[in-house]
Amino acid sequence: MVRNLVDMEAAYLSASFFREIVAAESYSFDPTRAKPAFVTLNGELLFEKRYENLAPTDAHLQRIADHVSSYLQIVRSQLLATVPKAIVHQMVSPAKSTLLEEFQAMVAGKDETQLRRLINESEDIAVQREEVKKKGRAAVQQEEVKKKLVLLKKAAGEVSAFIKSFVLALELELGNMRRLF
């Protein structure tokens, strides 16, 4: 498991990380910007290191070594954070499934009174739970009735409007017929 985590972290090694370091290094001396906190494996801040006392090729190689050391420090800190979590996960997962299986075996086939006894539910609490259930059902039914009443009122308004327009049309037609005769 730990080997898998190490392999996973090793897969993150890419040139983009080192490009970010070089980019951050280029503006690290700008006093208006916050300094990034890249730390090497021996605890030195990467951008506070100076290479002026080294030969140019040695300075370049030392800078590369410090960049790799900074990357390895990041990987190390990620492993320090994830390995304990992975270990706990590997310990808790089987325990959880075992407990769940035991609980299902204990509860399977029990009737309501036996289940109440298992959860130590008193009769008073059971009565209150049933009352709350009934109130909840009544509230849902009441909401459904309200929705139906709203729809009925809307339908009544539409029917009334239709009848009024129909009566007006009939009156107009009757008026037209009276004029003809």
N, C-alpha and C. Protein backbone atom coordinates (compact mmCIF):
# COMPACT_ATOMS: atom_id res chain seq x y z
N MET A 1 0.82 -1.19 0.00
CA MET A 1 0.00 0.00 0.00
C MET A 1 0.87 1.26 0.00
N VAL A 2 1.87 1.30 0.89
CA VAL A 2 2.75 2.46 0.95
C VAL A 2 3.53 2.57 -0.35
N ARG A 3 3.94 1.43 -0.89
CA ARG A 3 4.66 1.44 -2.17
C ARG A 3 3.78 2.03 -3.27
N ASN A 4 2.49 1.72 -3.25
CA ASN A 4 1.57 2.30 -4.25
C ASN A 4 1.49 3.81 -4.09
N LEU A 5 1.45 4.29 -2.85
CA LEU A 5 1.41 5.74 -2.62
C LEU A 5 2.69 6.40 -3.11
N VAL A 6 3.83 5.75 -2.85
CA VAL A 6 5.10 6.31 -3.33
C VAL A 6 5.13 6.34 -4.85
N ASP A 7 4.68 5.25 -5.47
CA ASP A 7 4.63 5.22 -6.94
C ASP A 7 3.70 6.30 -7.47
N MET A 8 2.58 6.51 -6.80
CA MET A 8 1.63 7.54 -7.22
C MET A 8 2.28 8.92 -7.14
N GLU A 9 2.97 9.20 -6.04
CA GLU A 9 3.63 10.49 -5.90
C GLU A 9 4.76 10.64 -6.91
N ALA A 10 5.46 9.55 -7.20
CA ALA A 10 6.56 9.61 -8.17
C ALA A 10 6.03 9.93 -9.56
N ALA A 11 4.80 9.53 -9.83
CA ALA A 11 4.21 9.80 -11.14
C ALA A 11 3.94 11.28 -11.35
N TYR A 12 3.91 12.05 -10.25
CA TYR A 12 3.65 13.49 -10.38
C TYR A 12 4.86 14.25 -10.89
N LEU A 13 6.04 13.64 -10.85
CA LEU A 13 7.26 14.32 -11.27
C LEU A 13 7.12 14.73 -12.73
N SER A 14 7.12 16.03 -12.94
CA SER A 14 6.99 16.53 -14.31
C SER A 14 7.76 17.81 -14.46
N ALA A 15 7.99 18.17 -15.69
CA ALA A 15 8.74 19.39 -15.97
C ALA A 15 7.96 20.62 -15.55
N SER A 16 6.63 20.52 -15.49
CA SER A 16 5.83 21.70 -15.14
C SER A 16 6.15 22.18 -13.72
N PHE A 17 6.44 21.25 -12.80
CA PHE A 17 6.80 21.65 -11.44
C PHE A 17 8.06 22.51 -11.47
N PHE A 18 9.04 22.05 -12.24
CA PHE A 18 10.31 22.79 -12.29
C PHE A 18 10.15 24.11 -13.03
N ARG A 19 9.26 24.15 -14.01
CA ARG A 19 8.97 25.42 -14.68
C ARG A 19 8.36 26.41 -13.69
N GLU A 20 7.48 25.91 -12.82
CA GLU A 20 6.88 26.78 -11.80
C GLU A 20 7.94 27.32 -10.85
N ILE A 21 8.89 26.48 -10.47
CA ILE A 21 9.96 26.94 -9.59
C ILE A 21 10.78 28.03 -10.27
N VAL A 22 11.14 27.79 -11.54
CA VAL A 22 11.95 28.78 -12.26
C VAL A 22 11.17 30.08 -12.41
N ALA A 23 9.87 29.97 -12.72
CA ALA A 23 9.06 31.18 -12.85
C ALA A 23 8.96 31.91 -11.51
N ALA A 24 8.75 31.16 -10.44
CA ALA A 24 8.66 31.77 -9.12
C ALA A 24 10.00 32.38 -8.73
N GLU A 25 11.09 31.73 -9.12
CA GLU A 25 12.42 32.24 -8.81
C GLU A 25 12.67 33.57 -9.52
N SER A 26 12.11 33.71 -10.71
CA SER A 26 12.35 34.93 -11.47
C SER A 26 11.68 36.14 -10.82
N TYR A 27 10.58 35.95 -10.13
CA TYR A 27 9.95 37.10 -9.47
C TYR A 27 10.11 37.07 -7.96
N SER A 28 10.91 36.15 -7.44
CA SER A 28 11.07 36.07 -5.99
C SER A 28 11.80 37.27 -5.42
N PHE A 29 12.56 37.97 -6.25
CA PHE A 29 13.30 39.12 -5.76
C PHE A 29 12.50 40.42 -5.90
N ASP A 30 11.30 40.33 -6.45
CA ASP A 30 10.43 41.49 -6.58
C ASP A 30 9.80 41.76 -5.20
N PRO A 31 10.09 42.91 -4.58
CA PRO A 31 9.58 43.16 -3.21
C PRO A 31 8.07 43.34 -3.15
N THR A 32 7.41 43.57 -4.29
CA THR A 32 5.96 43.77 -4.27
C THR A 32 5.20 42.43 -4.24
N ARG A 33 5.89 41.34 -4.56
CA ARG A 33 5.25 40.02 -4.58
C ARG A 33 5.62 39.22 -3.33
N ALA A 34 4.71 38.36 -2.92
CA ALA A 34 5.00 37.48 -1.79
C ALA A 34 5.98 36.40 -2.24
N LYS A 35 6.89 36.06 -1.35
CA LYS A 35 7.88 35.04 -1.70
C LYS A 35 7.26 33.65 -1.56
N PRO A 36 7.40 32.82 -2.60
CA PRO A 36 6.90 31.45 -2.46
C PRO A 36 7.75 30.68 -1.47
N ALA A 37 7.16 29.73 -0.81
CA ALA A 37 7.86 29.02 0.27
C ALA A 37 8.27 27.62 -0.18
N PHE A 38 9.16 27.53 -1.16
CA PHE A 38 9.72 26.25 -1.55
C PHE A 38 10.89 25.96 -0.61
N VAL A 39 10.85 24.78 0.02
CA VAL A 39 11.87 24.42 1.01
C VAL A 39 12.58 23.16 0.52
N THR A 40 13.90 23.12 0.68
CA THR A 40 14.65 21.94 0.29
C THR A 40 14.54 20.88 1.38
N LEU A 41 15.09 19.69 1.11
CA LEU A 41 15.02 18.60 2.08
C LEU A 41 15.76 18.93 3.38
N ASN A 42 16.81 19.76 3.30
CA ASN A 42 17.53 20.10 4.52
C ASN A 42 16.97 21.36 5.19
N GLY A 43 15.78 21.81 4.77
CA GLY A 43 15.07 22.87 5.46
C GLY A 43 15.40 24.29 5.03
N GLU A 44 16.22 24.46 4.03
CA GLU A 44 16.58 25.80 3.57
C GLU A 44 15.51 26.32 2.63
N LEU A 45 15.21 27.62 2.72
CA LEU A 45 14.28 28.22 1.77
C LEU A 45 14.98 28.33 0.43
N LEU A 46 14.34 27.83 -0.60
CA LEU A 46 14.97 27.73 -1.92
C LEU A 46 15.39 29.08 -2.46
N PHE A 47 14.57 30.09 -2.30
CA PHE A 47 14.85 31.36 -2.95
C PHE A 47 15.72 32.28 -2.09
N GLU A 48 16.13 31.80 -0.94
CA GLU A 48 17.07 32.58 -0.14
C GLU A 48 18.50 32.09 -0.31
N LYS A 49 18.66 31.02 -1.07
CA LYS A 49 20.01 30.50 -1.32
C LYS A 49 20.70 31.36 -2.36
N ARG A 50 21.99 31.56 -2.19
CA ARG A 50 22.80 32.34 -3.13
C ARG A 50 23.89 31.44 -3.70
N TYR A 51 24.16 31.63 -4.96
CA TYR A 51 25.13 30.79 -5.65
C TYR A 51 26.30 31.60 -6.22
N GLU A 52 26.48 32.84 -5.77
CA GLU A 52 27.51 33.71 -6.33
C GLU A 52 28.93 33.19 -6.07
N ASN A 53 29.16 32.50 -4.97
CA ASN A 53 30.50 32.05 -4.63
C ASN A 53 30.91 30.77 -5.35
N LEU A 54 29.99 30.22 -6.19
CA LEU A 54 30.29 29.00 -6.95
C LEU A 54 30.60 29.35 -8.41
N ALA A 55 31.31 28.44 -9.05
CA ALA A 55 31.56 28.60 -10.49
C ALA A 55 30.23 28.51 -11.22
N PRO A 56 30.07 29.15 -12.39
CA PRO A 56 28.78 29.16 -13.08
C PRO A 56 28.19 27.76 -13.31
N THR A 57 29.02 26.81 -13.74
CA THR A 57 28.47 25.47 -13.98
C THR A 57 28.08 24.81 -12.67
N ASP A 58 28.92 24.99 -11.62
CA ASP A 58 28.58 24.43 -10.30
C ASP A 58 27.33 25.08 -9.73
N ALA A 59 27.20 26.39 -9.95
CA ALA A 59 26.01 27.10 -9.46
C ALA A 59 24.76 26.57 -10.15
N HIS A 60 24.88 26.34 -11.48
CA HIS A 60 23.74 25.81 -12.24
C HIS A 60 23.36 24.42 -11.72
N LEU A 61 24.36 23.56 -11.54
CA LEU A 61 24.09 22.20 -11.05
C LEU A 61 23.52 22.23 -9.63
N GLN A 62 24.05 23.12 -8.78
CA GLN A 62 23.54 23.23 -7.42
C GLN A 62 22.10 23.72 -7.42
N ARG A 63 21.79 24.65 -8.31
CA ARG A 63 20.41 25.16 -8.42
C ARG A 63 19.47 24.02 -8.83
N ILE A 64 19.88 23.20 -9.81
CA ILE A 64 19.06 22.04 -10.23
C ILE A 64 18.88 21.09 -9.05
N ALA A 65 19.95 20.82 -8.34
CA ALA A 65 19.88 19.91 -7.18
C ALA A 65 18.92 20.47 -6.12
N ASP A 66 18.96 21.77 -5.90
CA ASP A 66 18.05 22.39 -4.93
C ASP A 66 16.60 22.33 -5.40
N HIS A 67 16.38 22.48 -6.69
CA HIS A 67 15.01 22.38 -7.23
C HIS A 67 14.48 20.96 -7.02
N VAL A 68 15.31 19.97 -7.34
CA VAL A 68 14.88 18.58 -7.14
C VAL A 68 14.66 18.32 -5.65
N SER A 69 15.53 18.85 -4.80
CA SER A 69 15.37 18.68 -3.37
C SER A 69 14.06 19.32 -2.89
N SER A 70 13.71 20.46 -3.43
CA SER A 70 12.45 21.12 -3.07
C SER A 70 11.26 20.28 -3.50
N TYR A 71 11.35 19.71 -4.69
CA TYR A 71 10.27 18.84 -5.16
C TYR A 71 10.14 17.63 -4.25
N LEU A 72 11.27 17.01 -3.91
CA LEU A 72 11.22 15.84 -3.03
C LEU A 72 10.67 16.20 -1.66
N GLN A 73 10.91 17.40 -1.18
CA GLN A 73 10.35 17.85 0.09
C GLN A 73 8.82 17.94 -0.01
N ILE A 74 8.34 18.43 -1.14
CA ILE A 74 6.88 18.50 -1.33
C ILE A 74 6.28 17.11 -1.36
N VAL A 75 6.92 16.19 -2.10
CA VAL A 75 6.44 14.80 -2.16
C VAL A 75 6.48 14.18 -0.77
N ARG A 76 7.57 14.43 -0.03
CA ARG A 76 7.70 13.90 1.33
C ARG A 76 6.57 14.40 2.22
N SER A 77 6.26 15.69 2.16
CA SER A 77 5.20 16.23 3.02
C SER A 77 3.83 15.66 2.62
N GLN A 78 3.63 15.44 1.31
CA GLN A 78 2.36 14.83 0.88
C GLN A 78 2.25 13.40 1.38
N LEU A 79 3.37 12.66 1.33
CA LEU A 79 3.35 11.29 1.84
C LEU A 79 3.11 11.26 3.34
N LEU A 80 3.74 12.20 4.05
CA LEU A 80 3.52 12.27 5.50
C LEU A 80 2.06 12.54 5.83
N ALA A 81 1.37 13.25 4.95
CA ALA A 81 -0.04 13.55 5.18
C ALA A 81 -0.94 12.40 4.74
N THR A 82 -0.57 11.70 3.66
CA THR A 82 -1.50 10.70 3.11
C THR A 82 -1.30 9.29 3.66
N VAL A 83 -0.08 8.91 4.04
CA VAL A 83 0.14 7.55 4.52
C VAL A 83 -0.67 7.25 5.78
N PRO A 84 -0.66 8.11 6.79
CA PRO A 84 -1.51 7.79 7.97
C PRO A 84 -2.99 7.67 7.61
N LYS A 85 -3.45 8.52 6.69
CA LYS A 85 -4.85 8.43 6.28
C LYS A 85 -5.12 7.11 5.58
N ALA A 86 -4.19 6.69 4.74
CA ALA A 86 -4.36 5.42 4.02
C ALA A 86 -4.36 4.25 4.99
N ILE A 87 -3.49 4.30 5.98
CA ILE A 87 -3.43 3.22 6.97
C ILE A 87 -4.74 3.14 7.76
N VAL A 88 -5.20 4.28 8.21
CA VAL A 88 -6.48 4.31 8.95
C VAL A 88 -7.61 3.80 8.06
N HIS A 89 -7.60 4.24 6.79
CA HIS A 89 -8.64 3.78 5.86
C HIS A 89 -8.59 2.26 5.72
N GLN A 90 -7.38 1.70 5.59
CA GLN A 90 -7.25 0.25 5.44
C GLN A 90 -7.68 -0.49 6.71
N MET A 91 -7.58 0.16 7.85
CA MET A 91 -8.00 -0.48 9.10
C MET A 91 -9.50 -0.32 9.33
N VAL A 92 -10.04 0.83 8.97
CA VAL A 92 -11.44 1.13 9.25
C VAL A 92 -12.37 0.43 8.26
N SER A 93 -12.00 0.36 7.00
CA SER A 93 -12.90 -0.24 6.00
C SER A 93 -13.31 -1.67 6.33
N PRO A 94 -12.35 -2.58 6.63
CA PRO A 94 -12.79 -3.94 6.99
C PRO A 94 -13.61 -3.97 8.27
N ALA A 95 -13.24 -3.14 9.25
CA ALA A 95 -14.01 -3.11 10.50
C ALA A 95 -15.43 -2.64 10.25
N LYS A 96 -15.57 -1.64 9.39
CA LYS A 96 -16.89 -1.12 9.08
C LYS A 96 -17.75 -2.19 8.42
N SER A 97 -17.19 -2.89 7.43
CA SER A 97 -17.99 -3.90 6.75
C SER A 97 -18.33 -5.06 7.69
N THR A 98 -17.41 -5.44 8.56
CA THR A 98 -17.67 -6.51 9.53
C THR A 98 -18.78 -6.10 10.50
N LEU A 99 -18.70 -4.88 11.01
CA LEU A 99 -19.74 -4.40 11.91
C LEU A 99 -21.09 -4.33 11.22
N LEU A 100 -21.09 -3.88 9.97
CA LEU A 100 -22.35 -3.79 9.23
C LEU A 100 -22.95 -5.17 9.01
N GLU A 101 -22.12 -6.15 8.67
CA GLU A 101 -22.62 -7.51 8.48
C GLU A 101 -23.18 -8.07 9.79
N GLU A 102 -22.50 -7.83 10.90
CA GLU A 102 -22.98 -8.31 12.20
C GLU A 102 -24.32 -7.65 12.55
N PHE A 103 -24.42 -6.35 12.28
CA PHE A 103 -25.66 -5.62 12.58
C PHE A 103 -26.81 -6.16 11.73
N GLN A 104 -26.55 -6.39 10.44
CA GLN A 104 -27.60 -6.92 9.57
C GLN A 104 -28.03 -8.30 10.02
N ALA A 105 -27.07 -9.13 10.44
CA ALA A 105 -27.42 -10.47 10.92
C ALA A 105 -28.25 -10.38 12.20
N MET A 106 -27.93 -9.42 13.06
CA MET A 106 -28.64 -9.27 14.33
C MET A 106 -30.06 -8.74 14.09
N VAL A 107 -30.23 -7.84 13.11
CA VAL A 107 -31.52 -7.18 12.90
C VAL A 107 -32.44 -7.98 11.99
N ALA A 108 -31.87 -8.76 11.10
CA ALA A 108 -32.68 -9.49 10.10
C ALA A 108 -33.70 -10.40 10.80
N GLY A 109 -34.93 -10.33 10.34
CA GLY A 109 -35.97 -11.21 10.83
C GLY A 109 -36.60 -10.80 12.15
N LYS A 110 -36.24 -9.67 12.70
CA LYS A 110 -36.82 -9.22 13.98
C LYS A 110 -38.11 -8.44 13.69
N ASP A 111 -39.07 -8.59 14.59
CA ASP A 111 -40.29 -7.81 14.44
C ASP A 111 -40.12 -6.46 15.13
N GLU A 112 -41.15 -5.62 15.05
CA GLU A 112 -41.04 -4.23 15.52
C GLU A 112 -40.75 -4.15 17.02
N THR A 113 -41.38 -4.99 17.82
CA THR A 113 -41.14 -4.92 19.27
C THR A 113 -39.71 -5.34 19.61
N GLN A 114 -39.19 -6.34 18.92
CA GLN A 114 -37.82 -6.76 19.17
C GLN A 114 -36.83 -5.67 18.73
N LEU A 115 -37.14 -5.01 17.62
CA LEU A 115 -36.27 -3.92 17.16
C LEU A 115 -36.30 -2.76 18.15
N ARG A 116 -37.49 -2.46 18.69
CA ARG A 116 -37.59 -1.40 19.69
C ARG A 116 -36.76 -1.74 20.92
N ARG A 117 -36.78 -3.01 21.30
CA ARG A 117 -36.00 -3.45 22.44
C ARG A 117 -34.50 -3.28 22.14
N LEU A 118 -34.10 -3.56 20.88
CA LEU A 118 -32.68 -3.41 20.51
C LEU A 118 -32.21 -1.96 20.61
N ILE A 119 -33.06 -1.03 20.21
CA ILE A 119 -32.64 0.38 20.25
C ILE A 119 -33.08 1.06 21.54
N ASN A 120 -33.58 0.26 22.48
CA ASN A 120 -33.99 0.77 23.80
C ASN A 120 -35.01 1.89 23.68
N GLU A 121 -35.99 1.71 22.82
CA GLU A 121 -37.01 2.73 22.63
C GLU A 121 -38.18 2.43 23.57
N SER A 122 -38.54 3.42 24.37
CA SER A 122 -39.65 3.23 25.30
C SER A 122 -40.97 3.36 24.54
N GLU A 123 -42.03 2.93 25.19
CA GLU A 123 -43.35 3.00 24.57
C GLU A 123 -43.76 4.45 24.32
N ASP A 124 -43.42 5.34 25.26
CA ASP A 124 -43.77 6.76 25.08
C ASP A 124 -43.12 7.33 23.81
N ILE A 125 -41.84 7.01 23.62
CA ILE A 125 -41.13 7.50 22.44
C ILE A 125 -41.72 6.88 21.17
N ALA A 126 -42.09 5.60 21.24
CA ALA A 126 -42.69 4.95 20.08
C ALA A 126 -44.01 5.62 19.72
N VAL A 127 -44.82 5.97 20.74
CA VAL A 127 -46.09 6.65 20.50
C VAL A 127 -45.84 8.02 19.87
N GLN A 128 -44.86 8.75 20.43
CA GLN A 128 -44.52 10.07 19.87
C GLN A 128 -44.05 9.94 18.42
N ARG A 129 -43.23 8.93 18.12
CA ARG A 129 -42.75 8.72 16.76
C ARG A 129 -43.91 8.46 15.81
N GLU A 130 -44.85 7.65 16.24
CA GLU A 130 -46.02 7.36 15.41
C GLU A 130 -46.86 8.61 15.18
N GLU A 131 -47.02 9.43 16.24
CA GLU A 131 -47.78 10.68 16.10
C GLU A 131 -47.11 11.62 15.11
N VAL A 132 -45.80 11.72 15.19
CA VAL A 132 -45.06 12.58 14.26
C VAL A 132 -45.22 12.06 12.83
N LYS A 133 -45.19 10.73 12.69
CA LYS A 133 -45.39 10.13 11.36
C LYS A 133 -46.77 10.49 10.82
N LYS A 134 -47.78 10.37 11.67
CA LYS A 134 -49.15 10.69 11.25
C LYS A 134 -49.27 12.17 10.89
N LYS A 135 -48.67 13.04 11.72
CA LYS A 135 -48.70 14.47 11.43
C LYS A 135 -48.01 14.78 10.11
N GLY A 136 -46.93 14.09 9.88
CA GLY A 136 -46.21 14.29 8.62
C GLY A 136 -47.06 13.88 7.43
N ARG A 137 -47.72 12.73 7.56
CA ARG A 137 -48.61 12.29 6.48
C ARG A 137 -49.76 13.27 6.29
N ALA A 138 -50.32 13.75 7.43
CA ALA A 138 -51.43 14.70 7.36
C ALA A 138 -50.97 16.00 6.69
N ALA A 139 -49.76 16.44 6.99
CA ALA A 139 -49.24 17.67 6.39
C ALA A 139 -49.07 17.49 4.88
N VAL A 140 -48.58 16.33 4.48
CA VAL A 140 -48.41 16.06 3.04
C VAL A 140 -49.78 16.03 2.37
N GLN A 141 -50.75 15.37 3.00
CA GLN A 141 -52.10 15.31 2.43
C GLN A 141 -52.70 16.71 2.36
N GLN A 142 -52.47 17.52 3.39
CA GLN A 142 -53.00 18.88 3.40
C GLN A 142 -52.40 19.69 2.26
N GLU A 143 -51.11 19.54 2.01
CA GLU A 143 -50.47 20.25 0.90
C GLU A 143 -51.06 19.80 -0.44
N GLU A 144 -51.30 18.50 -0.58
CA GLU A 144 -51.89 17.99 -1.81
C GLU A 144 -53.29 18.56 -2.02
N VAL A 145 -54.07 18.64 -0.92
CA VAL A 145 -55.42 19.19 -1.01
C VAL A 145 -55.35 20.67 -1.40
N LYS A 146 -54.40 21.43 -0.82
CA LYS A 146 -54.25 22.84 -1.17
C LYS A 146 -53.92 22.99 -2.65
N LYS A 147 -53.03 22.15 -3.16
CA LYS A 147 -52.68 22.22 -4.58
C LYS A 147 -53.90 21.92 -5.45
N LYS A 148 -54.68 20.93 -5.04
CA LYS A 148 -55.89 20.58 -5.81
C LYS A 148 -56.90 21.72 -5.77
N LEU A 149 -57.04 22.38 -4.60
CA LEU A 149 -57.95 23.52 -4.50
C LEU A 149 -57.52 24.66 -5.41
N VAL A 150 -56.24 24.92 -5.46
CA VAL A 150 -55.73 25.97 -6.34
C VAL A 150 -56.05 25.63 -7.79
N LEU A 151 -55.82 24.38 -8.17
CA LEU A 151 -56.13 23.95 -9.54
C LEU A 151 -57.63 24.06 -9.82
N LEU A 152 -58.46 23.67 -8.83
CA LEU A 152 -59.91 23.76 -9.02
C LEU A 152 -60.35 25.22 -9.18
N LYS A 153 -59.78 26.12 -8.37
CA LYS A 153 -60.13 27.54 -8.49
C LYS A 153 -59.71 28.07 -9.85
N LYS A 154 -58.56 27.67 -10.30
CA LYS A 154 -58.09 28.11 -11.62
C LYS A 154 -59.02 27.58 -12.71
N ALA A 155 -59.40 26.30 -12.59
CA ALA A 155 -60.31 25.71 -13.57
C ALA A 155 -61.67 26.40 -13.52
N ALA A 156 -62.15 26.71 -12.31
CA ALA A 156 -63.45 27.39 -12.18
C ALA A 156 -63.38 28.77 -12.85
N GLY A 157 -62.25 29.47 -12.66
CA GLY A 157 -62.09 30.77 -13.30
C GLY A 157 -62.08 30.65 -14.82
N GLU A 158 -61.41 29.63 -15.34
CA GLU A 158 -61.38 29.43 -16.78
C GLU A 158 -62.76 29.06 -17.32
N VAL A 159 -63.50 28.20 -16.58
CA VAL A 159 -64.84 27.82 -17.00
C VAL A 159 -65.75 29.04 -16.97
N SER A 160 -65.64 29.85 -15.91
CA SER A 160 -66.46 31.06 -15.80
C SER A 160 -66.17 32.02 -16.94
N ALA A 161 -64.89 32.20 -17.27
CA ALA A 161 -64.53 33.09 -18.38
C ALA A 161 -65.07 32.55 -19.69
N PHE A 162 -65.00 31.23 -19.88
CA PHE A 162 -65.52 30.64 -21.09
C PHE A 162 -67.03 30.84 -21.20
N ILE A 163 -67.73 30.62 -20.08
CA ILE A 163 -69.19 30.79 -20.09
C ILE A 163 -69.55 32.23 -20.40
N LYS A 164 -68.86 33.18 -19.80
CA LYS A 164 -69.13 34.60 -20.07
C LYS A 164 -68.92 34.92 -21.54
N SER A 165 -67.80 34.42 -22.10
CA SER A 165 -67.56 34.71 -23.52
C SER A 165 -68.59 34.01 -24.39
N PHE A 166 -69.03 32.82 -23.97
CA PHE A 166 -70.04 32.10 -24.73
C PHE A 166 -71.38 32.84 -24.68
N VAL A 167 -71.74 33.33 -23.48
CA VAL A 167 -72.99 34.08 -23.32
C VAL A 167 -72.93 35.36 -24.16
N LEU A 168 -71.82 36.05 -24.15
CA LEU A 168 -71.68 37.27 -24.96
C LEU A 168 -71.82 36.94 -26.45
N ALA A 169 -71.19 35.84 -26.85
CA ALA A 169 -71.30 35.45 -28.26
C ALA A 169 -72.74 35.12 -28.61
N LEU A 170 -73.47 34.46 -27.71
CA LEU A 170 -74.88 34.14 -27.95
C LEU A 170 -75.72 35.41 -28.02
N GLU A 171 -75.46 36.33 -27.10
CA GLU A 171 -76.21 37.59 -27.11
C GLU A 171 -75.97 38.36 -28.41
N LEU A 172 -74.73 38.38 -28.87
CA LEU A 172 -74.43 39.04 -30.15
C LEU A 172 -75.15 38.34 -31.30
N GLU A 173 -75.15 37.06 -31.28
CA GLU A 173 -75.82 36.30 -32.34
C GLU A 173 -77.32 36.54 -32.30
N LEU A 174 -77.88 36.57 -31.09
CA LEU A 174 -79.31 36.86 -30.96
C LEU A 174 -79.62 38.27 -31.45
N GLY A 175 -78.74 39.21 -31.11
CA GLY A 175 -78.94 40.57 -31.58
C GLY A 175 -78.89 40.65 -33.10
N ASN A 176 -77.98 39.91 -33.69
CA ASN A 176 -77.89 39.87 -35.16
C ASN A 176 -79.12 39.23 -35.76
N MET A 177 -79.65 38.20 -35.15
CA MET A 177 -80.86 37.53 -35.66
C MET A 177 -82.08 38.44 -35.53
N ARG A 178 -82.15 39.21 -34.46
CA ARG A 178 -83.29 40.12 -34.28
C ARG A 178 -83.28 41.20 -35.35
N ARG A 179 -82.10 41.65 -35.68
CA ARG A 179 -82.04 42.68 -36.72
C ARG A 179 -82.50 42.14 -38.07
N LEU A 180 -82.19 40.86 -38.31
CA LEU A 180 -82.60 40.28 -39.59
C LEU A 180 -84.10 40.09 -39.66
N PHE A 181 -84.73 39.84 -38.57
CA PHE A 181 -86.18 39.58 -38.60
C PHE A 181 -86.89 40.78 -38.17
